[in-house]
Protein backbone atom coordinates (compact mmCIF):
# COMPACT_ATOMS: atom_id res chain seq x y z
CA MET A 1 363.24 116.93 -22.47
CA GLN A 2 364.40 114.13 -20.16
CA PRO A 3 365.95 111.05 -21.80
CA VAL A 4 364.03 107.80 -21.58
CA LEU A 5 365.73 105.54 -19.06
CA ARG A 6 365.58 101.79 -19.09
CA VAL A 7 365.91 99.46 -16.14
CA LEU A 8 369.26 97.75 -16.48
CA SER A 9 368.16 94.32 -15.36
CA THR A 10 365.55 92.47 -13.38
CA ARG A 11 368.11 90.31 -11.59
CA SER A 12 369.61 91.22 -8.25
CA GLU A 13 372.51 93.59 -8.83
CA LYS A 14 375.26 93.81 -6.27
CA ILE A 15 377.21 97.05 -6.51
CA VAL A 16 380.25 97.42 -4.26
CA ASN A 17 381.51 100.84 -3.22
CA LEU A 18 385.32 100.84 -3.39
CA THR A 19 385.68 104.45 -2.19
CA PRO A 20 386.36 105.38 1.45
CA HIS A 21 383.05 107.27 1.71
CA ILE A 22 379.34 106.48 1.72
CA VAL A 23 377.98 107.32 -1.73
CA ARG A 24 374.53 108.92 -1.43
CA VAL A 25 372.33 109.24 -4.51
CA PHE A 26 369.33 111.57 -4.32
CA VAL A 27 366.86 109.94 -6.70
CA ASP A 28 364.09 112.21 -7.98
CA GLY A 29 360.61 110.97 -7.12
CA GLN A 30 361.77 108.64 -4.35
CA HIS A 31 361.09 109.26 -0.69
CA SER A 32 364.52 108.07 0.41
CA ASP A 33 368.08 108.29 -0.85
CA VAL A 34 369.99 105.32 -2.20
CA LEU A 35 373.08 104.69 -0.08
CA TYR A 36 376.12 102.68 -1.09
CA PRO A 37 378.18 102.14 2.07
CA ALA A 38 381.96 102.01 1.86
CA SER A 39 382.96 98.35 1.60
CA GLY A 40 386.17 98.70 3.59
CA THR A 41 388.25 98.04 0.47
CA GLU A 42 389.50 101.04 -1.48
CA ALA A 43 390.42 101.05 -5.16
CA ARG A 44 393.39 103.36 -5.64
CA CYS A 45 395.59 104.30 -8.57
CA SER A 46 399.25 103.49 -8.19
CA SER A 47 401.61 105.95 -9.82
CA VAL A 48 405.19 106.67 -10.77
CA GLN A 49 406.96 109.24 -8.62
CA GLN A 50 406.85 112.77 -9.95
CA ARG A 51 410.05 114.71 -10.51
CA PRO A 52 410.81 118.40 -10.03
CA LEU A 53 411.12 120.61 -13.11
CA TYR A 54 411.71 124.14 -11.84
CA GLN A 55 410.62 126.80 -9.34
CA LEU A 56 408.55 129.89 -9.92
CA LYS A 57 409.92 133.28 -8.80
CA ASN A 58 408.23 132.93 -5.40
CA ASN A 59 409.92 129.51 -4.82
CA VAL A 60 406.80 127.48 -5.67
CA PRO A 61 408.03 124.12 -6.99
CA VAL A 62 406.66 122.80 -10.30
CA TRP A 63 406.77 119.04 -10.90
CA THR A 64 405.80 116.66 -13.67
CA PRO A 65 402.30 115.13 -13.49
CA GLN A 66 401.79 111.69 -12.01
CA ASP A 67 401.77 108.73 -14.37
CA PHE A 68 399.21 106.18 -13.24
CA THR A 69 400.53 102.65 -13.59
CA GLY A 70 397.81 100.44 -12.15
CA VAL A 71 394.96 100.04 -9.70
CA THR A 72 395.00 98.34 -6.31
CA GLY A 73 392.00 97.14 -4.33
CA ILE A 74 390.04 95.33 -7.03
CA ASP A 75 391.66 91.90 -6.82
CA GLU A 76 389.09 90.32 -4.51
CA ILE A 77 385.83 91.26 -6.23
CA GLY A 78 383.43 88.34 -5.89
CA ALA A 79 381.67 86.63 -8.78
CA ASP A 80 378.33 87.87 -7.40
CA VAL A 81 379.34 91.52 -7.86
CA HIS A 82 377.68 93.27 -10.80
CA GLY A 83 379.36 96.67 -10.56
CA ILE A 84 381.83 98.78 -8.61
CA ILE A 85 381.80 102.42 -7.53
CA VAL A 86 385.23 104.03 -7.64
CA SER A 87 386.76 107.51 -7.79
CA MET A 88 386.94 109.32 -11.13
CA PRO A 89 390.74 108.85 -11.54
CA VAL A 90 390.35 105.10 -10.92
CA ALA A 91 387.40 104.88 -13.33
CA GLN A 92 389.30 106.76 -16.04
CA TYR A 93 392.38 104.57 -15.62
CA LEU A 94 390.36 101.34 -15.73
CA ARG A 95 388.57 102.46 -18.90
CA GLU A 96 391.68 103.70 -20.70
CA ALA A 97 393.85 100.74 -19.72
CA ARG A 98 391.13 98.21 -20.65
CA PHE A 99 391.90 96.55 -17.35
CA PRO A 100 391.09 92.82 -17.73
CA LYS A 101 389.87 92.36 -14.14
CA ILE A 102 386.84 94.56 -14.85
CA SER A 103 385.71 92.99 -18.12
CA ARG A 104 382.53 91.59 -16.51
CA LEU A 105 381.78 94.62 -14.29
CA TYR A 106 380.05 97.95 -14.63
CA VAL A 107 382.38 100.70 -13.37
CA TYR A 108 380.60 103.70 -11.86
CA CYS A 109 381.64 106.85 -10.08
CA PRO A 110 379.57 109.57 -8.41
CA ASP A 111 378.74 112.44 -10.76
CA THR A 112 380.24 115.58 -9.24
CA SER A 113 379.33 117.92 -12.10
CA PRO A 114 377.69 121.19 -10.97
CA ASP A 115 374.16 120.11 -11.91
CA ALA A 116 374.44 116.72 -10.20
CA VAL A 117 376.38 117.24 -6.99
CA ARG A 118 374.57 118.16 -3.77
CA ARG A 119 376.37 120.24 -1.15
CA ASP A 120 375.58 121.31 2.39
CA ASP A 121 375.49 124.94 3.54
CA ASP A 122 379.28 124.90 4.02
CA GLY A 123 379.94 123.66 0.48
CA ARG A 124 380.82 120.08 1.42
CA VAL A 125 379.64 117.34 -0.92
CA VAL A 126 376.82 115.30 0.66
CA GLY A 127 375.67 113.34 -2.37
CA THR A 128 374.83 113.29 -6.04
CA ARG A 129 371.79 112.95 -8.26
CA ARG A 130 373.32 110.19 -10.38
CA LEU A 131 376.21 107.86 -11.08
CA VAL A 132 378.37 108.01 -14.21
CA VAL A 133 379.26 104.75 -15.98
CA TYR A 134 382.86 104.57 -17.22
CA TYR A 135 382.84 100.96 -18.35
CA GLN A 136 380.12 98.43 -19.09
CA PRO A 137 380.40 94.84 -20.29
CA THR A 138 379.61 94.27 -23.93
CA ASP A 139 377.59 91.09 -23.44
């Protein structure tokens, strides 16, 4: 059984894509896809440098994981923007850090789960069936 979906709002909603790629959403029952063009600004996680721990027998280096310390590329979001589309690592960091600059914004990322992602014949991602919301304002 499909969940009942509600329309988020009747007002004009400006969603800005802060990834370097066009985000294409294949919406069931519509004759055309919904496209979110790349805005030219990219939201990226900044991180602390990793350090080496050891090498495996075949000389493969093993390092510590990255520690994300912030996000760049979201400083100039206009007051008319309702939501942003970012990569999953950026969305997760913004949600976990309770980043104050996003308190009024919906934070979305493309759903790349196996049942949502669409791929071409060569296995490259060409779009998704939905967005995932990582943060939404409480008001």
